[in-house]
Amino acid sequence: GGLRYHEALPFCRFHPVLMIYQSLWAVASAACFSIMAAFVKLVSDQYGPVELIFYRSLFGVLFILFVMRKSDVSLKTTRLWDHIVRSSLGILSIALWFFALPRMDFGACMTLTYTTPIFLAAWFIGEALIRHEPPPWRVAGAILAGFAGIVAVVQPSFAADEAMPAMVCILLSIIDMAVYGQMKKLGNLGEPSMRIVFYFTLIGTVSGLAGAFLLEGGLHFPTLKNALGLLGIGLMATLGQIAVTKAFALGPDNDGTYHPQLFGTVDVTLKDGTTITCKTAFQAYKDRCEAFDLDTVAKITGCQKEKIIEAIEIYCSSP
């Protein structure tokens, strides 16, 4: 048969379901990182920023390694240099954030760290103007509205002596743009999100350990008083890192890492122990579409096959 309706899906540049999926992961990551920041604020008077990176990453690398072994995700990669670049930028960003957190108002620090989308919007608008394309004003407006909502909820306050940590927060927000771009690149290259997070936490553990001894005089052994704070940092940072990586690293080449099976049949065990074979909704839809090849559709609609193909490609390539 010819090109069927369901076969036009791969032509589409934007998948609404995927965009919703990514947005939910982004919201989850923001929540986790906000809770993590509160734990950092709690223990920042006892640990330096580099040492906190070590404990944060150590928890993450052990957790991710356990998950990867359970899910049979390989550690082997052909993109080691890309992982090093992504991890180095991420570690720099975290070090700057951990440096700024104890030196300024918590709400002000969190507000400035969430300015990354504003810089992204400015980048998209500038890129569109250079290419003589319509700027994404609606996207920019949505981003500004979201940031205004953050300001309204957090209600930041700035003191006169907080100019330096404030500039640090803005700098790390700009660095985060490169981090997100690198995560997206790794996702498009087919790297699973868990592998991306593993190498980030692994490099963070090694860098944090070395940096703690070189820059901060070594490690401080956790006590019962601050162990909960370190555990909270590690847990929330790991969950947040998984979420933000899934939000930015999803792509057509690693789709097996971000959504369930859409086509085929699945054996499902019921509560009473019996097993039934179920067909996914997409598979059922695909089966119904099998009868409507291009010749059949052309006959029903009176349109030429070439015009139908052209219409499909125009529809699926449009933003």
Protein backbone atom coordinates (compact mmCIF):
# COMPACT_ATOMS: atom_id res chain seq x y z
CA GLY A 1 0.00 0.00 0.00
CA GLY A 2 0.90 3.67 -0.14
CA LEU A 3 1.44 6.22 2.60
CA ARG A 4 -1.24 5.79 5.26
CA TYR A 5 -2.47 8.32 7.77
CA HIS A 6 -0.74 6.69 10.72
CA GLU A 7 2.50 6.57 8.75
CA ALA A 8 2.49 10.37 8.57
CA LEU A 9 3.23 10.61 12.30
CA PRO A 10 7.04 10.40 11.92
CA PHE A 11 6.93 13.52 9.70
CA CYS A 12 5.54 15.64 12.53
CA ARG A 13 8.01 17.99 14.22
CA PHE A 14 5.94 18.62 17.32
CA HIS A 15 4.01 16.00 19.25
CA PRO A 16 1.46 17.52 21.66
CA VAL A 17 1.53 14.50 23.98
CA LEU A 18 5.33 14.64 24.15
CA MET A 19 5.26 18.38 24.87
CA ILE A 20 2.85 17.84 27.77
CA TYR A 21 5.04 14.99 29.01
CA GLN A 22 8.13 17.19 28.93
CA SER A 23 6.31 20.05 30.66
CA LEU A 24 5.22 17.81 33.52
CA TRP A 25 8.79 16.59 33.99
CA ALA A 26 9.99 20.21 34.01
CA VAL A 27 7.45 21.12 36.73
CA ALA A 28 8.52 18.09 38.78
CA SER A 29 12.19 19.05 38.48
CA ALA A 30 11.48 22.61 39.61
CA ALA A 31 9.67 21.31 42.68
CA CYS A 32 12.49 18.90 43.56
CA PHE A 33 15.23 21.49 43.11
CA SER A 34 13.33 24.01 45.23
CA ILE A 35 13.11 21.52 48.09
CA MET A 36 16.77 20.66 47.60
CA ALA A 37 17.67 24.36 47.84
CA ALA A 38 15.92 24.56 51.21
CA PHE A 39 18.05 21.65 52.48
CA VAL A 40 21.20 23.35 51.12
CA LYS A 41 20.27 26.52 53.00
CA LEU A 42 19.85 24.40 56.14
CA VAL A 43 23.36 22.88 56.11
CA SER A 44 25.33 25.54 54.21
CA ASP A 45 26.88 26.85 57.44
CA GLN A 46 28.49 23.44 58.04
CA TYR A 47 29.59 22.44 54.53
CA GLY A 48 31.21 24.30 51.67
CA PRO A 49 29.59 24.42 48.22
CA VAL A 50 32.09 22.00 46.66
CA GLU A 51 31.70 19.50 49.50
CA LEU A 52 27.93 19.66 49.08
CA ILE A 53 28.39 18.81 45.41
CA PHE A 54 30.26 15.67 46.49
CA TYR A 55 27.51 14.48 48.85
CA ARG A 56 24.80 15.45 46.37
CA SER A 57 26.50 13.53 43.56
CA LEU A 58 27.52 10.53 45.67
CA PHE A 59 23.90 9.79 46.59
CA GLY A 60 22.91 10.26 42.94
CA VAL A 61 25.53 8.00 41.40
CA LEU A 62 24.68 5.14 43.79
CA PHE A 63 20.95 5.58 43.26
CA ILE A 64 21.20 5.84 39.46
CA LEU A 65 23.59 2.87 39.26
CA PHE A 66 21.08 0.73 41.17
CA VAL A 67 18.22 1.83 38.89
CA MET A 68 20.25 1.23 35.72
CA ARG A 69 21.21 -2.28 36.78
CA LYS A 70 17.57 -3.09 37.56
CA SER A 71 16.37 -1.71 34.23
CA ASP A 72 19.25 -3.18 32.16
CA VAL A 73 20.45 0.20 30.89
CA SER A 74 24.06 -0.06 29.76
CA LEU A 75 26.77 2.26 31.07
CA LYS A 76 28.64 1.99 27.77
CA THR A 77 28.62 5.17 25.70
CA THR A 78 30.26 6.48 22.54
CA ARG A 79 29.56 10.08 23.58
CA LEU A 80 31.93 10.40 26.52
CA TRP A 81 33.17 13.85 25.52
CA ASP A 82 29.61 15.18 25.29
CA HIS A 83 28.94 13.78 28.76
CA ILE A 84 32.06 15.50 30.09
CA VAL A 85 31.01 18.85 28.60
CA ARG A 86 27.46 18.54 29.94
CA SER A 87 28.71 17.47 33.39
CA SER A 88 31.35 20.20 33.64
CA LEU A 89 28.82 22.92 32.84
CA GLY A 90 26.31 21.43 35.26
CA ILE A 91 28.82 21.15 38.09
CA LEU A 92 29.90 24.78 37.56
CA SER A 93 26.28 25.89 37.68
CA ILE A 94 25.59 23.96 40.90
CA ALA A 95 28.75 25.26 42.56
CA LEU A 96 27.68 28.83 41.80
CA TRP A 97 24.18 28.14 43.10
CA PHE A 98 25.42 26.57 46.32
CA PHE A 99 27.76 29.55 46.74
CA ALA A 100 24.95 32.09 46.35
CA LEU A 101 22.24 30.36 48.42
CA PRO A 102 23.61 31.08 51.92
CA ARG A 103 24.65 34.63 50.98
CA MET A 104 21.28 36.11 50.02
CA ASP A 105 17.57 35.94 50.65
CA PHE A 106 16.22 32.50 49.77
CA GLY A 107 13.31 33.83 47.72
CA ALA A 108 15.52 36.24 45.81
CA CYS A 109 18.03 33.50 45.02
CA MET A 110 15.34 31.12 43.75
CA THR A 111 13.76 33.87 41.65
CA LEU A 112 17.04 34.74 39.93
CA THR A 113 17.86 31.09 39.25
CA TYR A 114 14.57 30.79 37.37
CA THR A 115 15.51 33.54 34.92
CA THR A 116 16.93 30.94 32.52
CA PRO A 117 13.65 30.75 30.51
CA ILE A 118 13.79 34.53 30.01
CA PHE A 119 17.27 34.25 28.48
CA LEU A 120 16.01 31.34 26.36
CA ALA A 121 13.10 33.45 25.13
CA ALA A 122 15.49 36.30 24.24
CA TRP A 123 17.67 33.79 22.40
CA PHE A 124 14.71 32.41 20.41
CA ILE A 125 13.53 35.90 19.48
CA GLY A 126 17.02 37.01 18.43
CA GLU A 127 17.53 33.84 16.40
CA ALA A 128 14.20 34.32 14.63
CA LEU A 129 14.98 37.96 13.80
CA ILE A 130 18.39 37.00 12.38
CA ARG A 131 16.74 34.37 10.19
CA HIS A 132 14.00 36.86 9.18
CA GLU A 133 11.36 34.59 10.68
CA PRO A 134 8.37 35.55 12.86
CA PRO A 135 9.58 35.69 16.49
CA PRO A 136 7.80 33.38 18.96
CA TRP A 137 6.05 36.21 20.78
CA ARG A 138 3.41 33.94 22.30
CA VAL A 139 6.06 31.65 23.76
CA ALA A 140 7.95 34.65 25.14
CA GLY A 141 4.75 36.05 26.62
CA ALA A 142 3.96 32.73 28.30
CA ILE A 143 7.48 32.60 29.76
CA LEU A 144 7.24 36.15 31.11
CA ALA A 145 3.81 35.42 32.58
CA GLY A 146 5.19 32.32 34.28
CA PHE A 147 8.12 34.27 35.70
CA ALA A 148 5.75 36.95 36.96
CA GLY A 149 3.84 34.18 38.72
CA ILE A 150 7.04 32.99 40.38
CA VAL A 151 7.81 36.52 41.59
CA ALA A 152 4.27 36.89 42.94
CA VAL A 153 4.49 33.61 44.87
CA VAL A 154 8.08 33.89 46.13
CA GLN A 155 7.99 37.66 46.80
CA PRO A 156 11.78 38.12 46.76
CA SER A 157 13.54 40.85 48.69
CA PHE A 158 16.98 42.17 47.83
CA ALA A 159 19.45 43.71 50.28
CA ALA A 160 22.18 46.15 49.35
CA ASP A 161 24.97 43.68 50.13
CA GLU A 162 23.50 40.94 47.91
CA ALA A 163 24.60 42.37 44.57
CA MET A 164 27.49 39.92 44.14
CA PRO A 165 25.54 36.69 44.85
CA ALA A 166 22.70 38.08 42.70
CA MET A 167 25.10 38.42 39.76
CA VAL A 168 26.29 34.87 40.43
CA CYS A 169 22.69 33.64 40.17
CA ILE A 170 22.22 35.41 36.84
CA LEU A 171 25.50 33.93 35.58
CA LEU A 172 24.45 30.39 36.50
CA SER A 173 21.10 30.95 34.77
CA ILE A 174 22.97 31.75 31.56
CA ILE A 175 25.20 28.68 32.03
CA ASP A 176 22.06 26.58 32.47
CA MET A 177 21.05 27.44 28.90
CA ALA A 178 24.15 25.65 27.67
CA VAL A 179 23.44 22.75 30.06
CA TYR A 180 19.93 22.29 28.68
CA GLY A 181 21.24 22.48 25.14
CA GLN A 182 23.83 19.81 25.87
CA MET A 183 21.20 17.55 27.46
CA LYS A 184 19.02 17.98 24.38
CA LYS A 185 21.98 17.12 22.15
CA LEU A 186 22.70 13.93 24.10
CA GLY A 187 19.04 12.97 23.90
CA ASN A 188 18.99 13.50 20.14
CA LEU A 189 22.11 11.34 19.88
CA GLY A 190 20.17 8.49 21.49
CA GLU A 191 21.62 8.60 25.00
CA PRO A 192 19.06 7.38 27.60
CA SER A 193 18.24 9.91 30.29
CA MET A 194 19.46 7.60 33.07
CA ARG A 195 22.88 7.31 31.43
CA ILE A 196 23.11 11.10 31.10
CA VAL A 197 22.34 11.52 34.80
CA PHE A 198 24.76 8.72 35.76
CA TYR A 199 27.77 10.32 34.10
CA PHE A 200 26.80 13.71 35.52
CA THR A 201 26.66 12.35 39.07
CA LEU A 202 29.81 10.27 38.56
CA ILE A 203 31.85 13.24 37.36
CA GLY A 204 30.25 15.37 40.08
CA THR A 205 31.31 12.89 42.76
CA VAL A 206 34.93 12.82 41.57
CA SER A 207 35.08 16.60 41.07
CA GLY A 208 33.41 17.31 44.41
CA LEU A 209 35.78 15.00 46.28
CA ALA A 210 38.89 16.48 44.66
CA GLY A 211 37.62 20.03 45.03
CA ALA A 212 36.73 19.56 48.69
CA PHE A 213 40.32 18.61 49.52
CA LEU A 214 41.95 21.16 47.24
CA LEU A 215 39.71 24.15 48.00
CA GLU A 216 37.97 23.52 51.32
CA GLY A 217 40.42 21.53 53.43
CA GLY A 218 38.78 18.12 53.08
CA LEU A 219 35.49 16.48 54.00
CA HIS A 220 33.41 16.85 57.15
CA PHE A 221 31.93 13.58 58.33
CA PRO A 222 28.12 13.83 58.60
CA THR A 223 26.57 13.90 62.06
CA LEU A 224 23.12 12.84 63.19
CA LYS A 225 22.15 16.51 63.23
CA ASN A 226 22.98 17.27 59.61
CA ALA A 227 22.65 13.81 58.03
CA LEU A 228 18.97 14.43 57.28
CA GLY A 229 19.84 17.61 55.42
CA LEU A 230 22.48 15.85 53.31
CA LEU A 231 20.07 12.99 52.60
CA GLY A 232 17.42 15.50 51.54
CA ILE A 233 19.88 17.22 49.22
CA GLY A 234 20.92 13.94 47.63
CA LEU A 235 17.39 12.60 47.19
CA MET A 236 15.79 15.79 45.88
CA ALA A 237 18.77 16.58 43.64
CA THR A 238 18.71 13.09 42.12
CA LEU A 239 14.97 13.10 41.50
CA GLY A 240 15.17 16.64 40.14
CA GLN A 241 18.06 15.73 37.86
CA ILE A 242 16.19 12.73 36.45
CA ALA A 243 13.14 14.90 35.86
CA VAL A 244 14.96 17.79 34.17
CA THR A 245 16.95 15.38 31.98
CA LYS A 246 13.77 13.65 30.86
CA ALA A 247 12.28 17.06 30.12
CA PHE A 248 15.14 18.22 27.90
CA ALA A 249 16.76 15.03 26.61
CA LEU A 250 13.70 13.47 25.00
CA GLY A 251 14.02 12.95 21.29
CA PRO A 252 13.06 10.65 18.44
CA ASP A 253 16.25 8.61 18.80
CA ASN A 254 15.76 7.65 22.45
CA ASP A 255 11.98 7.48 22.59
CA GLY A 256 12.09 4.16 24.38
CA THR A 257 13.20 6.00 27.51
CA TYR A 258 10.29 8.38 27.78
CA HIS A 259 6.98 6.84 26.84
CA PRO A 260 5.21 3.49 27.06
CA GLN A 261 4.59 1.12 24.20
CA LEU A 262 2.20 2.70 21.71
CA PHE A 263 1.81 -0.16 19.24
CA GLY A 264 1.54 -3.92 19.56
CA THR A 265 -0.13 -6.30 21.99
CA VAL A 266 0.57 -6.83 25.68
CA ASP A 267 -0.22 -9.73 27.99
CA VAL A 268 -1.93 -8.40 31.12
CA THR A 269 -2.39 -10.44 34.30
CA LEU A 270 -5.70 -9.73 36.03
CA LYS A 271 -6.36 -9.68 39.76
CA ASP A 272 -7.71 -13.25 39.69
CA GLY A 273 -4.52 -14.51 38.06
CA THR A 274 -5.83 -14.98 34.54
CA THR A 275 -3.90 -13.50 31.61
CA ILE A 276 -5.48 -11.70 28.70
CA THR A 277 -3.95 -10.22 25.57
CA CYS A 278 -4.68 -6.53 25.05
CA LYS A 279 -4.12 -4.33 22.04
CA THR A 280 -3.02 -0.72 22.54
CA ALA A 281 -5.35 2.04 21.37
CA PHE A 282 -2.79 3.21 18.82
CA GLN A 283 -2.48 -0.34 17.48
CA ALA A 284 -6.28 -0.58 17.15
CA TYR A 285 -6.32 2.74 15.32
CA LYS A 286 -3.48 1.62 13.08
CA ASP A 287 -5.32 -1.58 12.21
CA ARG A 288 -8.39 0.42 11.22
CA CYS A 289 -6.25 2.66 9.02
CA GLU A 290 -4.67 -0.26 7.17
CA ALA A 291 -7.63 -0.39 4.78
CA PHE A 292 -7.21 3.26 3.81
CA ASP A 293 -4.14 3.38 1.60
CA LEU A 294 -3.58 6.29 -0.75
CA ASP A 295 -5.45 4.70 -3.63
CA THR A 296 -8.51 4.11 -1.47
CA VAL A 297 -8.42 7.60 0.04
CA ALA A 298 -7.97 9.18 -3.39
CA LYS A 299 -10.99 7.26 -4.66
CA ILE A 300 -13.15 8.26 -1.68
CA THR A 301 -12.16 11.94 -1.66
CA GLY A 302 -11.60 12.54 -5.37
CA CYS A 303 -8.13 14.00 -4.64
CA GLN A 304 -4.97 12.96 -6.42
CA LYS A 305 -2.48 10.87 -4.43
CA GLU A 306 0.26 13.43 -4.96
CA LYS A 307 -1.92 16.17 -3.50
CA ILE A 308 -2.72 14.03 -0.46
CA ILE A 309 0.98 13.38 0.18
CA GLU A 310 1.73 17.08 -0.23
CA ALA A 311 -1.04 18.00 2.23
CA ILE A 312 0.24 15.48 4.79
CA GLU A 313 3.79 16.80 4.57
CA ILE A 314 2.67 20.44 4.85
CA TYR A 315 0.46 19.68 7.85
CA CYS A 316 3.07 17.66 9.72
CA SER A 317 5.98 20.03 9.07
CA SER A 318 4.15 23.11 10.32
CA PRO A 319 4.77 24.33 13.92
